[in-house]
Protein backbone atom coordinates (compact mmCIF):
# COMPACT_ATOMS: atom_id res chain seq x y z
CA MET A 1 131.41 -26.35 0.22
CA THR A 2 133.65 -28.83 2.92
CA LEU A 3 131.30 -30.66 4.88
CA ASN A 4 133.10 -32.26 7.72
CA VAL A 5 131.29 -35.53 9.15
CA GLU A 6 132.34 -37.28 12.81
CA GLU A 7 129.46 -39.66 13.22
CA GLU A 8 129.52 -40.60 17.15
CA TYR A 9 126.97 -42.80 16.99
CA ALA A 10 126.75 -45.44 14.17
CA LEU A 11 123.50 -46.41 13.21
CA ASP A 12 122.86 -47.61 9.91
CA LEU A 13 119.65 -46.56 8.53
CA GLY A 14 120.90 -47.18 4.82
CA VAL A 15 120.76 -43.53 4.05
CA ASP A 16 124.66 -42.05 2.87
CA TYR A 17 124.34 -39.13 5.51
CA GLU A 18 127.41 -37.38 3.84
CA ALA A 19 126.44 -37.64 -0.15
CA THR A 20 122.41 -36.70 1.11
CA ALA A 21 123.59 -34.00 3.80
CA ARG A 22 126.23 -32.84 0.79
CA LEU A 23 123.34 -32.83 -2.06
CA VAL A 24 120.58 -30.78 0.69
CA ALA A 25 123.27 -28.00 1.35
CA ASP A 26 124.78 -27.58 -1.81
CA ARG A 27 121.04 -26.92 -2.68
CA VAL A 28 120.12 -24.50 0.05
CA LEU A 29 122.98 -22.93 -0.58
CA GLU A 30 121.92 -22.32 -3.84
CA GLU A 31 118.84 -21.44 -3.50
CA GLU A 32 120.02 -18.92 -1.31
CA HIS A 33 122.12 -17.23 -3.68
CA CYS A 34 125.00 -17.94 -1.55
CA PRO A 35 127.65 -16.24 -3.34
CA TYR A 36 130.82 -17.67 -0.74
CA GLU A 37 132.54 -21.15 -0.57
CA THR A 38 131.23 -22.42 3.08
CA GLU A 39 131.98 -25.17 5.58
CA VAL A 40 129.52 -26.66 7.54
CA ASN A 41 130.24 -29.49 10.57
CA LEU A 42 127.94 -32.63 10.97
CA LEU A 43 127.48 -34.41 14.06
CA LEU A 44 125.41 -37.16 13.67
CA VAL A 45 124.43 -38.49 17.67
CA SER A 46 122.03 -40.89 19.42
CA ASP A 47 118.77 -39.20 21.54
CA SER A 48 121.11 -39.68 24.91
CA GLU A 49 124.24 -37.06 22.90
CA ILE A 50 121.66 -34.65 21.87
CA HIS A 51 119.96 -34.81 24.93
CA GLN A 52 122.86 -33.86 26.91
CA MET A 53 123.35 -31.22 24.28
CA ASN A 54 119.75 -29.49 24.43
CA ARG A 55 120.06 -29.26 28.30
CA GLU A 56 123.13 -27.85 27.87
CA TYR A 57 123.14 -25.20 25.03
CA ARG A 58 119.37 -24.44 25.34
CA GLY A 59 118.36 -25.98 28.59
CA ILE A 60 115.54 -28.11 27.96
CA ASP A 61 115.58 -31.32 29.48
CA ARG A 62 114.38 -33.83 26.67
CA ALA A 63 116.15 -35.34 23.64
CA THR A 64 115.64 -33.16 20.07
CA ASP A 65 116.08 -34.18 16.72
CA VAL A 66 118.64 -31.33 14.84
CA LEU A 67 120.27 -28.88 17.40
CA SER A 68 121.96 -25.48 14.39
CA PHE A 69 124.74 -23.83 15.83
CA PRO A 70 124.79 -21.20 13.68
CA GLN A 71 128.24 -19.06 13.25
CA ALA A 72 126.84 -16.00 12.51
CA GLU A 73 124.15 -13.64 13.28
CA TYR A 74 122.35 -12.07 9.77
CA PRO A 75 120.76 -8.57 9.33
CA GLU A 76 118.25 -10.37 7.56
CA PRO A 77 117.82 -14.26 6.50
CA ALA A 78 120.78 -15.63 4.10
CA ASP A 79 121.65 -11.70 3.72
CA PHE A 80 125.42 -11.81 2.85
CA SER A 81 126.08 -8.71 2.83
CA TRP A 82 127.55 -8.36 6.13
CA ALA A 83 130.00 -10.97 5.71
CA GLU A 84 133.29 -9.07 4.00
CA ALA A 85 132.89 -6.86 6.62
CA HIS A 86 133.77 -9.76 9.57
CA GLU A 87 136.10 -11.69 7.20
CA ALA A 88 137.88 -12.00 10.39
CA ASP A 89 135.28 -14.05 12.62
CA CYS A 90 133.59 -16.23 9.83
CA PHE A 91 135.90 -16.70 7.10
CA ASP A 92 138.06 -19.47 7.30
CA PRO A 93 141.61 -18.48 7.44
CA ASP A 94 142.79 -21.11 5.73
CA SER A 95 140.11 -22.31 3.56
CA GLY A 96 139.01 -18.81 2.96
CA GLU A 97 135.52 -20.50 2.98
CA LEU A 98 132.62 -18.81 5.23
CA VAL A 99 131.93 -21.00 7.91
CA LEU A 100 128.44 -20.92 8.43
CA GLY A 101 128.33 -23.34 11.60
CA ASP A 102 126.96 -26.54 12.77
CA ILE A 103 124.59 -28.97 12.45
CA VAL A 104 124.00 -32.31 15.44
CA VAL A 105 121.32 -34.09 14.14
CA SER A 106 120.26 -37.32 16.15
CA LEU A 107 119.77 -40.88 14.35
CA ASP A 108 117.66 -42.22 16.80
CA HIS A 109 114.95 -39.13 15.66
CA VAL A 110 115.65 -39.95 11.81
CA ARG A 111 114.57 -43.10 12.56
CA GLN A 112 111.65 -42.40 14.81
CA GLN A 113 110.19 -39.55 12.89
CA ALA A 114 110.66 -41.25 9.08
CA GLU A 115 108.43 -44.28 10.91
CA GLU A 116 105.82 -41.32 12.55
CA TYR A 117 105.70 -39.55 9.54
CA GLY A 118 105.25 -42.74 7.04
CA HIS A 119 108.42 -41.65 4.65
CA GLY A 120 111.90 -42.67 4.27
CA CYS A 121 114.98 -42.42 6.51
CA ARG A 122 116.33 -40.32 4.23
CA ARG A 123 114.05 -38.55 3.58
CA GLU A 124 113.62 -38.09 7.08
CA PHE A 125 117.37 -36.85 7.07
CA ALA A 126 117.62 -35.27 3.92
CA PHE A 127 114.25 -32.64 5.86
CA LEU A 128 116.14 -31.90 8.40
CA ILE A 129 119.83 -31.04 7.08
CA ALA A 130 117.44 -28.54 5.13
CA HIS A 131 115.66 -27.66 8.36
CA SER A 132 118.76 -26.96 10.07
CA MET A 133 120.96 -25.12 7.10
CA LEU A 134 118.27 -22.76 7.33
CA HIS A 135 118.84 -22.07 10.82
CA LEU A 136 122.86 -21.64 9.92
CA LEU A 137 121.35 -18.89 7.23
CA GLY A 138 119.54 -17.26 9.65
CA TYR A 139 116.59 -18.46 9.15
CA ASP A 140 114.04 -19.65 12.23
CA HIS A 141 110.13 -20.71 13.32
CA MET A 142 109.40 -18.45 16.28
CA GLU A 143 106.67 -16.23 14.64
CA GLU A 144 103.81 -18.10 12.43
CA GLN A 145 105.12 -15.78 9.55
CA GLU A 146 108.71 -17.46 9.98
CA ALA A 147 107.49 -20.94 10.15
CA ALA A 148 105.46 -20.45 6.95
CA VAL A 149 108.64 -19.38 5.18
CA MET A 150 111.24 -21.67 6.37
CA GLU A 151 108.51 -24.88 5.70
CA ALA A 152 108.00 -23.67 1.48
CA LYS A 153 111.75 -23.71 1.46
CA GLN A 154 112.06 -26.24 3.26
CA ALA A 155 109.27 -28.37 1.09
CA ALA A 156 110.54 -26.71 -2.44
CA ILE A 157 114.19 -27.76 -1.70
CA LEU A 158 113.65 -31.16 -1.28
CA GLU A 159 110.53 -31.42 -4.06
CA GLY A 160 113.29 -30.45 -6.38
CA LEU A 161 115.90 -32.32 -5.03
CA GLY A 162 113.25 -35.38 -5.67
CA ILE A 163 113.28 -36.97 -2.14
CA CYS A 164 109.80 -36.59 -1.46
CA ARG A 165 107.56 -38.33 0.85
């Protein structure tokens, strides 16, 4: 897996962002049986930066914790059968990796939510990566049943890695 990390905002929360993101992303891909090498872009920003992005891309005028920008739409979550038929659109021609998309995390929100939920910043950051990776694989939580599926998958991934509250 190629993980491209860009820190537009430096906030030391005592978390190795790249190592944690890679660990969680790899586990999500393993659990979802991704048959390809993949590429994900991770952008670390402040609340003001994610607020601007949320307004621009989603029409929501407030900061949020994480934004996910999937490269492709899946017929069903984590159904990779479509990928080879759309090779030109979703595989990097140089590396041959399946480009999953972009994750944007507000480090200010990581700190705030870790305090609010009473756990560490690493756990909160790992949760947001797991959540966003599932979005990049086609999962959503707009309906109650979808949300339950995502919540169960997120919990299993973090518990399996020993990253608990």
